[in-house]
C-alpha atoms as a PDB file:
ATOM      1  CA  LEU A   1     161.627  40.699  78.685  1.00  0.00           C
ATOM      2  CA  GLY A   2     160.195  43.740  80.368  1.00  0.00           C
ATOM      3  CA  PRO A   3     159.703  47.350  79.328  1.00  0.00           C
ATOM      4  CA  THR A   4     163.300  48.278  80.170  1.00  0.00           C
ATOM      5  CA  ILE A   5     164.612  46.574  77.040  1.00  0.00           C
ATOM      6  CA  VAL A   6     162.352  48.797  74.944  1.00  0.00           C
ATOM      7  CA  MET A   7     162.656  52.012  76.942  1.00  0.00           C
ATOM      8  CA  MET A   8     166.418  51.796  77.589  1.00  0.00           C
ATOM      9  CA  PRO A   9     167.999  49.897  74.675  1.00  0.00           C
ATOM     10  CA  GLU A  10     171.453  51.326  75.404  1.00  0.00           C
ATOM     11  CA  ILE A  11     171.714  48.909  78.343  1.00  0.00           C
ATOM     12  CA  TYR A  12     171.483  45.727  76.276  1.00  0.00           C
ATOM     13  CA  ARG A  13     173.224  47.261  73.241  1.00  0.00           C
ATOM     14  CA  GLU A  14     176.362  47.788  75.319  1.00  0.00           C
ATOM     15  CA  VAL A  15     176.425  44.118  76.368  1.00  0.00           C
ATOM     16  CA  PHE A  16     175.988  42.854  72.796  1.00  0.00           C
ATOM     17  CA  GLU A  17     178.646  45.217  71.457  1.00  0.00           C
ATOM     18  CA  PHE A  18     181.066  44.170  74.229  1.00  0.00           C
ATOM     19  CA  CYS A  19     180.642  40.594  72.965  1.00  0.00           C
ATOM     20  CA  GLY A  20     181.323  41.714  69.390  1.00  0.00           C
ATOM     21  CA  LYS A  21     177.732  41.156  68.283  1.00  0.00           C
ATOM     22  CA  ASP A  22     175.251  43.452  66.579  1.00  0.00           C
ATOM     23  CA  PRO A  23     172.145  43.672  68.790  1.00  0.00           C
ATOM     24  CA  ASP A  24     169.978  44.375  65.735  1.00  0.00           C
ATOM     25  CA  ASP A  25     170.737  40.841  64.523  1.00  0.00           C
ATOM     26  CA  TYR A  26     169.080  39.455  67.663  1.00  0.00           C
ATOM     27  CA  ILE A  27     166.535  42.044  68.806  1.00  0.00           C
ATOM     28  CA  PRO A  28     165.352  44.146  65.860  1.00  0.00           C
ATOM     29  CA  MET A  29     163.305  47.154  66.959  1.00  0.00           C
ATOM     30  CA  LYS A  30     161.100  49.575  65.123  1.00  0.00           C
ATOM     31  CA  LYS A  31     160.267  53.030  66.469  1.00  0.00           C
ATOM     32  CA  VAL A  32     156.519  53.634  66.579  1.00  0.00           C
ATOM     33  CA  ASN A  33     154.565  56.809  67.049  1.00  0.00           C
ATOM     34  CA  PRO A  34     152.624  57.197  69.233  1.00  0.00           C
ATOM     35  CA  MET A  35     154.748  55.174  71.604  1.00  0.00           C
ATOM     36  CA  LEU A  36     151.895  54.829  74.087  1.00  0.00           C
ATOM     37  CA  LYS A  37     148.113  55.179  74.178  1.00  0.00           C
ATOM     38  CA  LEU A  38     146.245  55.378  77.466  1.00  0.00           C
ATOM     39  CA  TYR A  39     142.527  54.700  77.641  1.00  0.00           C
ATOM     40  CA  PHE A  40     140.367  55.988  80.493  1.00  0.00           C
ATOM     41  CA  ASN A  41     136.776  54.779  80.618  1.00  0.00           C
ATOM     42  CA  LYS A  42     135.043  55.750  77.374  1.00  0.00           C
ATOM     43  CA  GLU A  43     137.055  58.908  76.748  1.00  0.00           C
ATOM     44  CA  GLU A  44     139.306  59.373  73.757  1.00  0.00           C
ATOM     45  CA  PRO A  45     142.744  57.852  74.366  1.00  0.00           C
ATOM     46  CA  ILE A  46     145.680  60.020  75.316  1.00  0.00           C
ATOM     47  CA  GLU A  47     148.508  59.451  72.842  1.00  0.00           C
ATOM     48  CA  PHE A  48     152.114  59.972  73.873  1.00  0.00           C
ATOM     49  CA  SER A  49     154.423  60.849  70.993  1.00  0.00           C
ATOM     50  CA  ASN A  50     158.111  59.997  70.772  1.00  0.00           C
ATOM     51  CA  ASP A  51     158.591  63.550  69.437  1.00  0.00           C
ATOM     52  CA  LEU A  52     159.488  65.826  72.373  1.00  0.00           C
ATOM     53  CA  ILE A  53     157.580  68.857  71.055  1.00  0.00           C
ATOM     54  CA  GLU A  54     154.401  66.835  70.486  1.00  0.00           C
ATOM     55  CA  LEU A  55     154.798  65.105  73.844  1.00  0.00           C
ATOM     56  CA  THR A  56     155.144  68.475  75.584  1.00  0.00           C
ATOM     57  CA  LYS A  57     151.919  69.700  73.951  1.00  0.00           C
ATOM     58  CA  THR A  58     150.080  66.582  75.120  1.00  0.00           C
ATOM     59  CA  LEU A  59     151.356  66.979  78.663  1.00  0.00           C
ATOM     60  CA  GLU A  60     150.434  70.679  78.686  1.00  0.00           C
ATOM     61  CA  ASN A  61     146.855  69.734  77.756  1.00  0.00           C
ATOM     62  CA  ILE A  62     146.715  67.300  80.662  1.00  0.00           C
ATOM     63  CA  SER A  63     148.355  69.499  83.303  1.00  0.00           C
ATOM     64  CA  PRO A  64     149.774  72.882  82.258  1.00  0.00           C
ATOM     65  CA  GLU A  65     151.119  73.650  85.728  1.00  0.00           C
ATOM     66  CA  ASP A  66     153.157  70.426  85.810  1.00  0.00           C
ATOM     67  CA  THR A  67     154.671  70.689  82.336  1.00  0.00           C
END
């Protein structure tokens, strides 16, 4: 299993539901926050929230002109 199953669960959910099965019975998932932490050298990690407002703030701190 790769990251797609976590990042795009609607893809596999559709297949399970087509077969009359509940995907949560086979692949239970739990939402976590932050969804990602990136570490660069010895700096503090950059945390990416699953909350859009918090994520936007993080991205603005990294690169305001690209947000």
